[in-house]
Structure formats: structure tokens, C-alpha cells
C-alpha atoms as a PDB file:
ATOM      1  CA  MET A   1       0.000   0.000   0.000  1.00  0.00           C
ATOM      2  CA  ARG A   2       1.377   3.406  -0.978  1.00  0.00           C
ATOM      3  CA  ILE A   3       0.794   6.361   1.272  1.00  0.00           C
ATOM      4  CA  PRO A   4       0.349   9.527  -0.803  1.00  0.00           C
ATOM      5  CA  VAL A   5       2.878  12.221  -0.051  1.00  0.00           C
ATOM      6  CA  GLU A   6       1.577  15.737  -0.595  1.00  0.00           C
ATOM      7  CA  ASN A   7       4.909  17.259  -1.550  1.00  0.00           C
ATOM      8  CA  PRO A   8       8.486  16.050  -2.023  1.00  0.00           C
ATOM      9  CA  THR A   9       9.642  17.600   1.255  1.00  0.00           C
ATOM     10  CA  SER A  10       7.086  15.733   3.353  1.00  0.00           C
ATOM     11  CA  TYR A  11       8.552  13.615   6.134  1.00  0.00           C
ATOM     12  CA  ARG A  12       5.676  11.153   6.036  1.00  0.00           C
ATOM     13  CA  GLY A  13       7.548   8.726   3.813  1.00  0.00           C
ATOM     14  CA  ARG A  14      10.834   8.908   5.699  1.00  0.00           C
ATOM     15  CA  ASN A  15      11.721   6.488   8.469  1.00  0.00           C
ATOM     16  CA  ALA A  16      11.208   8.280  11.757  1.00  0.00           C
ATOM     17  CA  ARG A  17      14.330   6.988  13.452  1.00  0.00           C
ATOM     18  CA  PRO A  18      17.693   6.434  11.824  1.00  0.00           C
ATOM     19  CA  ASN A  19      18.658   2.796  11.550  1.00  0.00           C
ATOM     20  CA  TRP A  20      22.372   2.798  12.345  1.00  0.00           C
ATOM     21  CA  VAL A  21      22.802  -0.853  11.377  1.00  0.00           C
ATOM     22  CA  THR A  22      21.467  -0.106   7.904  1.00  0.00           C
ATOM     23  CA  LEU A  23      23.773   2.911   7.660  1.00  0.00           C
ATOM     24  CA  GLY A  24      26.666   0.631   8.598  1.00  0.00           C
ATOM     25  CA  LEU A  25      25.652  -1.819   5.879  1.00  0.00           C
ATOM     26  CA  PHE A  26      25.464   0.883   3.206  1.00  0.00           C
ATOM     27  CA  VAL A  27      28.864   2.276   4.202  1.00  0.00           C
ATOM     28  CA  GLY A  28      30.262  -1.261   4.493  1.00  0.00           C
ATOM     29  CA  VAL A  29      29.116  -2.186   0.976  1.00  0.00           C
ATOM     30  CA  ALA A  30      30.692   0.995  -0.403  1.00  0.00           C
ATOM     31  CA  LEU A  31      33.924   0.266   1.457  1.00  0.00           C
ATOM     32  CA  GLY A  32      33.737  -3.305   0.120  1.00  0.00           C
ATOM     33  CA  ALA A  33      33.803  -1.928  -3.425  1.00  0.00           C
ATOM     34  CA  GLY A  34      36.863   0.040  -2.374  1.00  0.00           C
ATOM     35  CA  ALA A  35      38.456  -3.076  -0.898  1.00  0.00           C
ATOM     36  CA  ILE A  36      38.181  -4.794  -4.286  1.00  0.00           C
ATOM     37  CA  GLY A  37      40.027  -1.876  -5.837  1.00  0.00           C
ATOM     38  CA  PHE A  38      42.628  -1.923  -3.072  1.00  0.00           C
ATOM     39  CA  LEU A  39      43.456  -5.577  -3.734  1.00  0.00           C
ATOM     40  CA  PHE A  40      44.582  -4.660  -7.249  1.00  0.00           C
ATOM     41  CA  SER A  41      46.163  -1.292  -6.398  1.00  0.00           C
ATOM     42  CA  PRO A  42      49.882  -0.514  -6.239  1.00  0.00           C
ATOM     43  CA  ALA A  43      49.484  -0.086  -2.474  1.00  0.00           C
ATOM     44  CA  HIS A  44      48.688  -3.800  -2.140  1.00  0.00           C
ATOM     45  CA  SER A  45      50.075  -5.513  -5.240  1.00  0.00           C
ATOM     46  CA  PRO A  46      53.843  -5.371  -5.829  1.00  0.00           C
ATOM     47  CA  ALA A  47      53.311  -6.323  -9.482  1.00  0.00           C
ATOM     48  CA  ALA A  48      50.858  -3.446  -9.960  1.00  0.00           C
ATOM     49  CA  ALA A  49      53.222  -1.089  -8.137  1.00  0.00           C
ATOM     50  CA  HIS A  50      56.094  -2.045 -10.431  1.00  0.00           C
ATOM     51  CA  TRP A  51      53.940  -1.719 -13.563  1.00  0.00           C
ATOM     52  CA  TYR A  52      52.426   1.619 -12.488  1.00  0.00           C
ATOM     53  CA  ALA A  53      55.825   3.063 -11.532  1.00  0.00           C
ATOM     54  CA  GLY A  54      57.049   2.359 -15.071  1.00  0.00           C
ATOM     55  CA  LEU A  55      54.220   4.298 -16.721  1.00  0.00           C
ATOM     56  CA  ALA A  56      54.635   7.841 -17.966  1.00  0.00           C
ATOM     57  CA  LYS A  57      52.347  10.078 -15.902  1.00  0.00           C
ATOM     58  CA  PRO A  58      51.423  13.763 -16.168  1.00  0.00           C
ATOM     59  CA  PRO A  59      53.156  16.171 -13.766  1.00  0.00           C
ATOM     60  CA  TRP A  60      49.852  16.908 -12.013  1.00  0.00           C
ATOM     61  CA  THR A  61      49.482  13.315 -10.782  1.00  0.00           C
ATOM     62  CA  ALA A  62      48.533  13.311  -7.089  1.00  0.00           C
ATOM     63  CA  PRO A  63      50.939  11.647  -4.653  1.00  0.00           C
ATOM     64  CA  SER A  64      50.129   7.981  -4.093  1.00  0.00           C
ATOM     65  CA  ARG A  65      49.619   8.550  -0.376  1.00  0.00           C
ATOM     66  CA  TRP A  66      46.537  10.718  -1.101  1.00  0.00           C
ATOM     67  CA  PHE A  67      44.513   8.009  -2.822  1.00  0.00           C
ATOM     68  CA  GLY A  68      43.777   5.787   0.200  1.00  0.00           C
ATOM     69  CA  PRO A  69      42.469   8.473   2.571  1.00  0.00           C
ATOM     70  CA  VAL A  70      40.545  10.271  -0.182  1.00  0.00           C
ATOM     71  CA  TRP A  71      38.817   7.083  -1.328  1.00  0.00           C
ATOM     72  CA  ILE A  72      37.944   6.016   2.222  1.00  0.00           C
ATOM     73  CA  ALA A  73      36.278   9.378   2.851  1.00  0.00           C
ATOM     74  CA  LEU A  74      34.467   9.183  -0.492  1.00  0.00           C
ATOM     75  CA  TYR A  75      33.191   5.656   0.164  1.00  0.00           C
ATOM     76  CA  CYS A  76      31.839   6.761   3.544  1.00  0.00           C
ATOM     77  CA  LEU A  77      30.065   9.712   1.883  1.00  0.00           C
ATOM     78  CA  MET A  78      28.719   7.451  -0.866  1.00  0.00           C
ATOM     79  CA  GLY A  79      27.308   4.918   1.572  1.00  0.00           C
ATOM     80  CA  THR A  80      25.759   7.616   3.734  1.00  0.00           C
ATOM     81  CA  ALA A  81      24.188   9.323   0.717  1.00  0.00           C
ATOM     82  CA  ALA A  82      22.686   6.042  -0.504  1.00  0.00           C
ATOM     83  CA  TRP A  83      21.385   5.341   2.995  1.00  0.00           C
ATOM     84  CA  LEU A  84      19.679   8.740   3.093  1.00  0.00           C
ATOM     85  CA  VAL A  85      17.993   8.001  -0.226  1.00  0.00           C
ATOM     86  CA  SER A  86      16.972   4.522   0.942  1.00  0.00           C
ATOM     87  CA  ARG A  87      15.166   6.081   3.902  1.00  0.00           C
ATOM     88  CA  GLU A  88      12.727   7.856   1.556  1.00  0.00           C
ATOM     89  CA  ARG A  89      10.475   4.794   1.531  1.00  0.00           C
ATOM     90  CA  TYR A  90       7.569   6.163  -0.479  1.00  0.00           C
ATOM     91  CA  HIS A  91       9.354   8.424  -2.917  1.00  0.00           C
ATOM     92  CA  GLU A  92       8.520   7.298  -6.446  1.00  0.00           C
ATOM     93  CA  ARG A  93      12.093   7.846  -7.688  1.00  0.00           C
ATOM     94  CA  ARG A  94      13.893   6.080  -4.852  1.00  0.00           C
ATOM     95  CA  SER A  95      14.288   2.726  -6.636  1.00  0.00           C
ATOM     96  CA  ALA A  96      15.698   4.300  -9.806  1.00  0.00           C
ATOM     97  CA  ALA A  97      18.120   6.374  -7.726  1.00  0.00           C
ATOM     98  CA  LEU A  98      19.362   3.323  -5.832  1.00  0.00           C
ATOM     99  CA  LEU A  99      19.704   1.379  -9.093  1.00  0.00           C
ATOM    100  CA  ALA A 100      21.886   4.167 -10.514  1.00  0.00           C
ATOM    101  CA  TYR A 101      23.936   4.078  -7.303  1.00  0.00           C
ATOM    102  CA  LEU A 102      24.403   0.313  -7.585  1.00  0.00           C
ATOM    103  CA  LEU A 103      25.514   0.591 -11.207  1.00  0.00           C
ATOM    104  CA  GLN A 104      28.142   3.228 -10.444  1.00  0.00           C
ATOM    105  CA  LEU A 105      29.350   1.202  -7.448  1.00  0.00           C
ATOM    106  CA  ILE A 106      29.841  -1.873  -9.657  1.00  0.00           C
ATOM    107  CA  LEU A 107      31.757   0.217 -12.195  1.00  0.00           C
ATOM    108  CA  ASN A 108      33.828   1.714  -9.392  1.00  0.00           C
ATOM    109  CA  ALA A 109      34.783  -1.762  -8.184  1.00  0.00           C
ATOM    110  CA  ALA A 110      35.526  -2.919 -11.749  1.00  0.00           C
ATOM    111  CA  TRP A 111      38.000  -0.167 -12.617  1.00  0.00           C
ATOM    112  CA  ALA A 112      41.033  -1.314 -10.579  1.00  0.00           C
ATOM    113  CA  PRO A 113      40.955  -4.970 -11.715  1.00  0.00           C
ATOM    114  CA  PHE A 114      41.062  -3.805 -15.338  1.00  0.00           C
ATOM    115  CA  PHE A 115      43.505  -0.914 -14.943  1.00  0.00           C
ATOM    116  CA  PHE A 116      45.909  -2.388 -12.364  1.00  0.00           C
ATOM    117  CA  GLY A 117      45.046  -6.096 -12.470  1.00  0.00           C
ATOM    118  CA  ALA A 118      44.973  -6.571 -16.242  1.00  0.00           C
ATOM    119  CA  TRP A 119      47.398  -3.688 -16.912  1.00  0.00           C
ATOM    120  CA  ASN A 120      44.917  -2.417 -19.459  1.00  0.00           C
ATOM    121  CA  ILE A 121      44.859   1.381 -19.490  1.00  0.00           C
ATOM    122  CA  GLY A 122      42.332   1.525 -22.347  1.00  0.00           C
ATOM    123  CA  ALA A 123      39.830  -0.750 -20.596  1.00  0.00           C
ATOM    124  CA  GLY A 124      40.332   1.290 -17.436  1.00  0.00           C
ATOM    125  CA  LEU A 125      39.588   4.451 -19.400  1.00  0.00           C
ATOM    126  CA  PHE A 126      36.428   2.924 -20.879  1.00  0.00           C
ATOM    127  CA  ILE A 127      35.215   1.894 -17.406  1.00  0.00           C
ATOM    128  CA  MET A 128      36.143   5.302 -16.001  1.00  0.00           C
ATOM    129  CA  VAL A 129      34.040   7.084 -18.647  1.00  0.00           C
ATOM    130  CA  ALA A 130      31.133   4.730 -17.890  1.00  0.00           C
ATOM    131  CA  LEU A 131      31.652   5.348 -14.156  1.00  0.00           C
ATOM    132  CA  TRP A 132      31.619   9.119 -14.619  1.00  0.00           C
ATOM    133  CA  LEU A 133      28.388   8.913 -16.637  1.00  0.00           C
ATOM    134  CA  ALA A 134      26.763   6.553 -14.124  1.00  0.00           C
ATOM    135  CA  LEU A 135      27.845   8.796 -11.262  1.00  0.00           C
ATOM    136  CA  ALA A 136      26.429  11.897 -12.949  1.00  0.00           C
ATOM    137  CA  TRP A 137      23.195   9.936 -13.438  1.00  0.00           C
ATOM    138  CA  THR A 138      23.262   8.956  -9.750  1.00  0.00           C
ATOM    139  CA  VAL A 139      23.686  12.559  -8.619  1.00  0.00           C
ATOM    140  CA  ARG A 140      20.814  13.596 -10.879  1.00  0.00           C
ATOM    141  CA  ALA A 141      18.663  10.709  -9.594  1.00  0.00           C
ATOM    142  CA  PHE A 142      19.456  11.434  -5.923  1.00  0.00           C
ATOM    143  CA  ALA A 143      18.633  15.158  -6.168  1.00  0.00           C
ATOM    144  CA  PRO A 144      14.823  14.938  -6.303  1.00  0.00           C
ATOM    145  CA  VAL A 145      14.729  12.169  -3.694  1.00  0.00           C
ATOM    146  CA  ARG A 146      17.061  13.749  -1.134  1.00  0.00           C
ATOM    147  CA  ALA A 147      19.022  16.825  -2.206  1.00  0.00           C
ATOM    148  CA  VAL A 148      21.598  16.539   0.570  1.00  0.00           C
ATOM    149  CA  ALA A 149      22.467  13.034  -0.674  1.00  0.00           C
ATOM    150  CA  ALA A 150      23.162  14.422  -4.144  1.00  0.00           C
ATOM    151  CA  TRP A 151      25.412  17.102  -2.661  1.00  0.00           C
ATOM    152  CA  MET A 152      27.251  14.461  -0.655  1.00  0.00           C
ATOM    153  CA  LEU A 153      28.280  12.874  -3.959  1.00  0.00           C
ATOM    154  CA  ALA A 154      29.760  16.144  -5.293  1.00  0.00           C
ATOM    155  CA  PRO A 155      33.291  15.459  -3.925  1.00  0.00           C
ATOM    156  CA  TYR A 156      33.114  11.969  -5.427  1.00  0.00           C
ATOM    157  CA  LEU A 157      32.131  13.403  -8.804  1.00  0.00           C
ATOM    158  CA  ALA A 158      34.984  15.921  -8.594  1.00  0.00           C
ATOM    159  CA  TRP A 159      37.517  13.210  -7.688  1.00  0.00           C
ATOM    160  CA  THR A 160      36.195  10.912 -10.407  1.00  0.00           C
ATOM    161  CA  THR A 161      36.577  13.759 -12.903  1.00  0.00           C
ATOM    162  CA  TYR A 162      40.204  14.108 -11.806  1.00  0.00           C
ATOM    163  CA  ALA A 163      40.700  10.316 -12.020  1.00  0.00           C
ATOM    164  CA  LEU A 164      39.171  10.272 -15.502  1.00  0.00           C
ATOM    165  CA  ALA A 165      41.523  13.041 -16.661  1.00  0.00           C
ATOM    166  CA  LEU A 166      44.470  11.210 -15.091  1.00  0.00           C
ATOM    167  CA  ASN A 167      43.487   7.893 -16.691  1.00  0.00           C
ATOM    168  CA  PHE A 168      43.109   9.614 -20.073  1.00  0.00           C
ATOM    169  CA  SER A 169      46.489  11.332 -19.735  1.00  0.00           C
ATOM    170  CA  ILE A 170      48.210   8.090 -18.761  1.00  0.00           C
ATOM    171  CA  TRP A 171      46.579   6.361 -21.730  1.00  0.00           C
ATOM    172  CA  ARG A 172      47.780   9.108 -24.104  1.00  0.00           C
ATOM    173  CA  LEU A 173      51.303   9.188 -22.677  1.00  0.00           C
ATOM    174  CA  ASN A 174      51.741   5.400 -22.863  1.00  0.00           C
ATOM    175  CA  GLN A 175      50.406   4.564 -26.322  1.00  0.00           C
END
């Protein structure tokens, strides 16, 4: 049974109390996607570290030590944003927004195995473009459901834009 909501800012469809276990699950799933990437990253894989060190990179490449903390913060924001959207139980666009989130999360997890694991810069670039598009779709889908959740993804979109530019530059420099 659907309860009609008079306007999109109505609190009638939102869970009254936060469910911290569910928040933990959303953040945990996001961090799990990051853990997949970490397993293939130069920080964990000596083979990937050796391969990546031998690539030509643009001078504006961020120091390696930045990537871990930045991604952990972004995964926590991503999980929290998805949790906020999931709490809008009766919003008609909630399911589509969470589907977009799931798609971008899968693409996020897929990037490192292709780029670092398979040493395939082109495949990594293709996935990164798809990730950026899916993430932009997710931000757009989150906005009408819960605007603050869309804004929470803004740093992730900015970092993904940087990662896309970096991936493209590495691809161009190493052809």
C-alpha cells in the first residue's frame, strides 16, 4: 500500500528513526567496493606497483599517499548518501536512484581490476568514462529524492573527474 505524499519535502515517507545498522551496511558495501580496488592497487600488489611506476604520468598526478584516505572518505560519503535516499520509503524515484547508485558502485569496483590487475589502461579508461556517466546519473537521480544526498556525492564526482583526466592522460602518454 502506498501512502500519498503531498509534496516532495514531506517527512511522512521517511523512516522516523535512523537505523544505524542499515547505515553501517550501506557504508560497508561501499567500502567493500573500495576493498576490491585496493586488492589490485599498487598499495597492495607489488606487481601493480612495479607496472604503475614504469608508466609515464602527467606532472599533475597526485601523490600515491593521497589516494587511500581520499577514497575512504568518499566511500563513507557514498554509503551515507545512498542510505539517506533509501530512507525515503515512499518516494517514487527512490528505486531508480538506488539502481543508478548500484551501477556506479559496480563500475567503481571494476576499474582497478582492469587498470591495475589486467594492466589495461584503455579498458580502465572505458570503465572510467562509464563510471563518470553513471555517477552523474546517480547525482541527478538522488537530487529529487534527497538533495543533501546528491550534494554528498559532489566530492566523489569531482575526484572521479580528476581520475578520468588522469586515466586519459596516462593512456595518451603510454600509447
